[in-house]
Amino acid sequence: MPRQQQPATRPVRRRSYDQFCAGARALDAVGDRWTLLIVRELLAGPRRYTDLHADLPGVSTDVLASRLKDMEQGGLVTRRRLPPPAAASVYELTERGHGLLSVLAALAEWGAPALVERRPTDAVRAHWFALPLLRALEGFGGAACGGVVDVHLDEGDFHVRTGDQEPGEPVYGDGPAVRADARIALDAELCLALGRGELTFAEAVKDGRIEVSGEGPLAVELRGA
């Protein structure tokens, strides 16, 4: 019996604005809904699919899988298999994907005035406040005493990196760090105010609105000693 010929599969054509413009090309790559929020999560380092889905409330499994596939094809993320005993696949940003940090930081600064009141339907994760806080911590650390700062909010804990970083190094992470060079405690509203530039980190420390602990060089610098 002759073998039935399978229909040829056509390559999926991604949507494009088809405009010879840098802005349009950028939106071809990251303009789809959820894409930049996936980048936000991966700025914390390699993540499993299940972890990404848990920290992106509202995204369907089909949409998340589709976006990750598009981002792989576009050179924004890679997928690799962890060695045993983990034996799980993780997604991580490429160098090009990490280049979107400044884009997300600018969007967070632009969108901060809209966070006047938390709506009943709003989900929240503590590490979502990392981007506005990073803006306030610019200039601290440098090559001499950069490091990891544990951050405590009522919403939870996360950690951020200050100072010079290796290319592709995670800029923040969920939960306390294994080793922190300083620890700070503040509230989410102050975190957003710092991101909007309404006051500086040093002013908030002086006013007693940020509590800094630790004895290392970075903690001393953050305290303004």
Foldseek 3Di string as FASTA:
>chain_A
DDDDDDDDDDDDDQDFPPDPDPVRVVCSQQVDPPRVVLLVQQLQPWDALVVSPVVDPPDDSVRSVVSLVSCVVVQQKDWDADDPPVRGIIIHGDLVNVVCLVVVLVVLLVCLVVPPDDDPPDDDAPCVLVSLQLVLQAPAQAPPRWWKEWEDEPRAIKIATYHDDDRRDRGIHHHDDPDGQKYKYAYSVVSSCSSNVVDHLQVCLVVVRMDMDHDDPRSCVSNVD
